[in-house]
Amino acid sequence: MSTEVTAPMSGDILEILVKVGDDVSAEDELLILEAMKMENPIYAPADGKVTEIKVAEGDSVEANDVLVVLE
């Protein structure tokens, strides 16, 4: 069963900290979302493996856009 990690707010992808195939634990930082001049870390909601990264550094995203898929 896969878990989609979504953007909590609109912003720009500043840095991606994982790559496809990485194993992550709950609360590991996946990426940094810049919104309102602040850097907001996006954390893994559960343990899993990164199966897909739907964004690239520099991309603009809207609230609820899928950023990363974990399995």
N, C-alpha and C. Protein backbone atom coordinates (compact mmCIF):
# COMPACT_ATOMS: atom_id res chain seq x y z
N MET A 1 0.85 -1.18 0.00
CA MET A 1 0.00 0.00 0.00
C MET A 1 0.89 1.23 0.00
N SER A 2 0.61 2.18 -0.86
CA SER A 2 1.46 3.36 -0.96
C SER A 2 0.87 4.53 -0.17
N THR A 3 1.77 5.43 0.22
CA THR A 3 1.39 6.63 0.97
C THR A 3 1.85 7.83 0.16
N GLU A 4 0.93 8.74 -0.13
CA GLU A 4 1.27 9.97 -0.84
C GLU A 4 1.55 11.08 0.16
N VAL A 5 2.71 11.71 0.02
CA VAL A 5 3.07 12.85 0.86
C VAL A 5 2.69 14.10 0.07
N THR A 6 1.83 14.93 0.64
CA THR A 6 1.32 16.10 -0.08
C THR A 6 1.83 17.40 0.54
N ALA A 7 1.76 18.45 -0.26
CA ALA A 7 2.18 19.77 0.20
C ALA A 7 1.14 20.34 1.16
N PRO A 8 1.57 20.81 2.33
CA PRO A 8 0.61 21.38 3.27
C PRO A 8 0.18 22.80 2.89
N MET A 9 0.94 23.43 1.99
CA MET A 9 0.66 24.80 1.56
C MET A 9 1.31 25.04 0.21
N SER A 10 0.96 26.14 -0.44
CA SER A 10 1.60 26.52 -1.70
C SER A 10 3.02 26.99 -1.42
N GLY A 11 3.91 26.75 -2.37
CA GLY A 11 5.28 27.21 -2.21
C GLY A 11 6.17 26.67 -3.31
N ASP A 12 7.47 26.79 -3.10
CA ASP A 12 8.47 26.33 -4.06
C ASP A 12 9.33 25.23 -3.42
N ILE A 13 9.68 24.22 -4.22
CA ILE A 13 10.54 23.16 -3.73
C ILE A 13 11.98 23.69 -3.71
N LEU A 14 12.53 23.81 -2.52
CA LEU A 14 13.86 24.37 -2.35
C LEU A 14 14.93 23.29 -2.47
N GLU A 15 14.69 22.14 -1.83
CA GLU A 15 15.69 21.07 -1.83
C GLU A 15 15.01 19.73 -1.62
N ILE A 16 15.43 18.73 -2.40
CA ILE A 16 14.94 17.36 -2.23
C ILE A 16 16.05 16.58 -1.53
N LEU A 17 15.70 15.96 -0.42
CA LEU A 17 16.69 15.31 0.44
C LEU A 17 16.75 13.79 0.27
N VAL A 18 15.85 13.22 -0.53
CA VAL A 18 15.82 11.77 -0.74
C VAL A 18 15.84 11.48 -2.23
N LYS A 19 16.07 10.20 -2.56
CA LYS A 19 15.98 9.77 -3.96
C LYS A 19 15.17 8.49 -4.03
N VAL A 20 14.70 8.15 -5.21
CA VAL A 20 13.91 6.94 -5.40
C VAL A 20 14.75 5.76 -4.94
N GLY A 21 14.13 4.88 -4.16
CA GLY A 21 14.81 3.71 -3.64
C GLY A 21 15.27 3.85 -2.20
N ASP A 22 15.31 5.09 -1.69
CA ASP A 22 15.72 5.31 -0.31
C ASP A 22 14.68 4.76 0.66
N ASP A 23 15.18 4.12 1.73
CA ASP A 23 14.31 3.72 2.84
C ASP A 23 14.25 4.89 3.81
N VAL A 24 13.05 5.24 4.26
CA VAL A 24 12.88 6.34 5.20
C VAL A 24 12.08 5.86 6.41
N SER A 25 12.30 6.53 7.51
CA SER A 25 11.55 6.27 8.74
C SER A 25 10.58 7.40 8.97
N ALA A 26 9.54 7.14 9.74
CA ALA A 26 8.59 8.20 10.09
C ALA A 26 9.35 9.37 10.68
N GLU A 27 9.00 10.55 10.25
CA GLU A 27 9.59 11.82 10.71
C GLU A 27 10.93 12.16 10.06
N ASP A 28 11.42 11.34 9.11
CA ASP A 28 12.61 11.73 8.34
C ASP A 28 12.23 12.88 7.42
N GLU A 29 13.15 13.83 7.22
CA GLU A 29 12.91 14.93 6.29
C GLU A 29 13.02 14.41 4.86
N LEU A 30 12.03 14.74 4.04
CA LEU A 30 12.02 14.33 2.64
C LEU A 30 12.46 15.47 1.73
N LEU A 31 11.97 16.66 2.03
CA LEU A 31 12.31 17.81 1.21
C LEU A 31 12.04 19.09 1.98
N ILE A 32 12.49 20.20 1.40
CA ILE A 32 12.27 21.51 1.99
C ILE A 32 11.37 22.31 1.06
N LEU A 33 10.27 22.81 1.59
CA LEU A 33 9.31 23.62 0.86
C LEU A 33 9.44 25.06 1.35
N GLU A 34 9.71 25.98 0.44
CA GLU A 34 9.81 27.38 0.82
C GLU A 34 8.46 28.05 0.58
N ALA A 35 7.91 28.61 1.64
CA ALA A 35 6.62 29.30 1.55
C ALA A 35 6.67 30.51 2.47
N MET A 36 6.20 31.63 1.98
CA MET A 36 6.17 32.87 2.76
C MET A 36 7.55 33.20 3.34
N LYS A 37 8.59 33.00 2.52
CA LYS A 37 9.99 33.32 2.90
C LYS A 37 10.50 32.45 4.04
N MET A 38 9.83 31.34 4.33
CA MET A 38 10.27 30.42 5.37
C MET A 38 10.54 29.05 4.77
N GLU A 39 11.55 28.36 5.30
CA GLU A 39 11.85 27.00 4.88
C GLU A 39 11.07 26.03 5.76
N ASN A 40 10.22 25.22 5.13
CA ASN A 40 9.36 24.28 5.84
C ASN A 40 9.76 22.85 5.49
N PRO A 41 10.33 22.11 6.44
CA PRO A 41 10.66 20.71 6.14
C PRO A 41 9.39 19.88 6.00
N ILE A 42 9.41 18.97 5.04
CA ILE A 42 8.30 18.04 4.84
C ILE A 42 8.81 16.67 5.29
N TYR A 43 8.10 16.06 6.23
CA TYR A 43 8.53 14.83 6.86
C TYR A 43 7.75 13.63 6.34
N ALA A 44 8.39 12.46 6.42
CA ALA A 44 7.71 11.20 6.08
C ALA A 44 6.66 10.92 7.16
N PRO A 45 5.42 10.61 6.76
CA PRO A 45 4.38 10.32 7.74
C PRO A 45 4.50 8.91 8.33
N ALA A 46 5.27 8.05 7.67
CA ALA A 46 5.40 6.66 8.12
C ALA A 46 6.69 6.08 7.54
N ASP A 47 7.08 4.93 8.06
CA ASP A 47 8.22 4.21 7.49
C ASP A 47 7.87 3.76 6.08
N GLY A 48 8.86 3.69 5.20
CA GLY A 48 8.61 3.19 3.86
C GLY A 48 9.80 3.38 2.96
N LYS A 49 9.58 3.07 1.68
CA LYS A 49 10.61 3.24 0.65
C LYS A 49 10.10 4.28 -0.34
N VAL A 50 10.96 5.19 -0.75
CA VAL A 50 10.59 6.21 -1.74
C VAL A 50 10.45 5.51 -3.09
N THR A 51 9.24 5.51 -3.65
CA THR A 51 9.02 4.86 -4.94
C THR A 51 8.86 5.87 -6.07
N GLU A 52 8.53 7.11 -5.71
CA GLU A 52 8.33 8.13 -6.74
C GLU A 52 8.51 9.52 -6.13
N ILE A 53 9.19 10.38 -6.88
CA ILE A 53 9.31 11.80 -6.51
C ILE A 53 8.63 12.58 -7.62
N LYS A 54 7.55 13.28 -7.28
CA LYS A 54 6.70 13.92 -8.29
C LYS A 54 7.09 15.37 -8.57
N VAL A 55 8.11 15.89 -7.88
CA VAL A 55 8.52 17.28 -8.05
C VAL A 55 10.02 17.35 -8.26
N ALA A 56 10.48 18.51 -8.70
CA ALA A 56 11.91 18.77 -8.86
C ALA A 56 12.25 20.06 -8.11
N GLU A 57 13.51 20.22 -7.76
CA GLU A 57 13.92 21.45 -7.09
C GLU A 57 13.59 22.63 -8.00
N GLY A 58 13.00 23.66 -7.41
CA GLY A 58 12.60 24.85 -8.17
C GLY A 58 11.14 24.84 -8.60
N ASP A 59 10.49 23.68 -8.52
CA ASP A 59 9.07 23.61 -8.90
C ASP A 59 8.21 24.40 -7.92
N SER A 60 7.13 24.97 -8.44
CA SER A 60 6.11 25.60 -7.60
C SER A 60 4.99 24.58 -7.42
N VAL A 61 4.49 24.48 -6.20
CA VAL A 61 3.41 23.54 -5.91
C VAL A 61 2.27 24.26 -5.21
N GLU A 62 1.11 23.66 -5.28
CA GLU A 62 -0.07 24.15 -4.60
C GLU A 62 -0.37 23.24 -3.41
N ALA A 63 -1.14 23.72 -2.48
CA ALA A 63 -1.55 22.90 -1.33
C ALA A 63 -2.19 21.62 -1.84
N ASN A 64 -1.85 20.51 -1.22
CA ASN A 64 -2.38 19.18 -1.51
C ASN A 64 -1.80 18.52 -2.76
N ASP A 65 -0.85 19.16 -3.45
CA ASP A 65 -0.15 18.50 -4.56
C ASP A 65 0.66 17.34 -3.99
N VAL A 66 0.72 16.24 -4.72
CA VAL A 66 1.52 15.09 -4.29
C VAL A 66 3.00 15.39 -4.57
N LEU A 67 3.83 15.23 -3.54
CA LEU A 67 5.26 15.50 -3.66
C LEU A 67 6.07 14.22 -3.80
N VAL A 68 5.80 13.26 -2.93
CA VAL A 68 6.57 12.02 -2.86
C VAL A 68 5.60 10.87 -2.58
N VAL A 69 5.90 9.71 -3.17
CA VAL A 69 5.10 8.51 -2.91
C VAL A 69 6.00 7.51 -2.18
N LEU A 70 5.50 6.99 -1.06
CA LEU A 70 6.20 5.97 -0.27
C LEU A 70 5.44 4.66 -0.34
N GLU A 71 6.18 3.57 -0.29
CA GLU A 71 5.52 2.26 -0.28
C GLU A 71 6.02 1.45 0.88
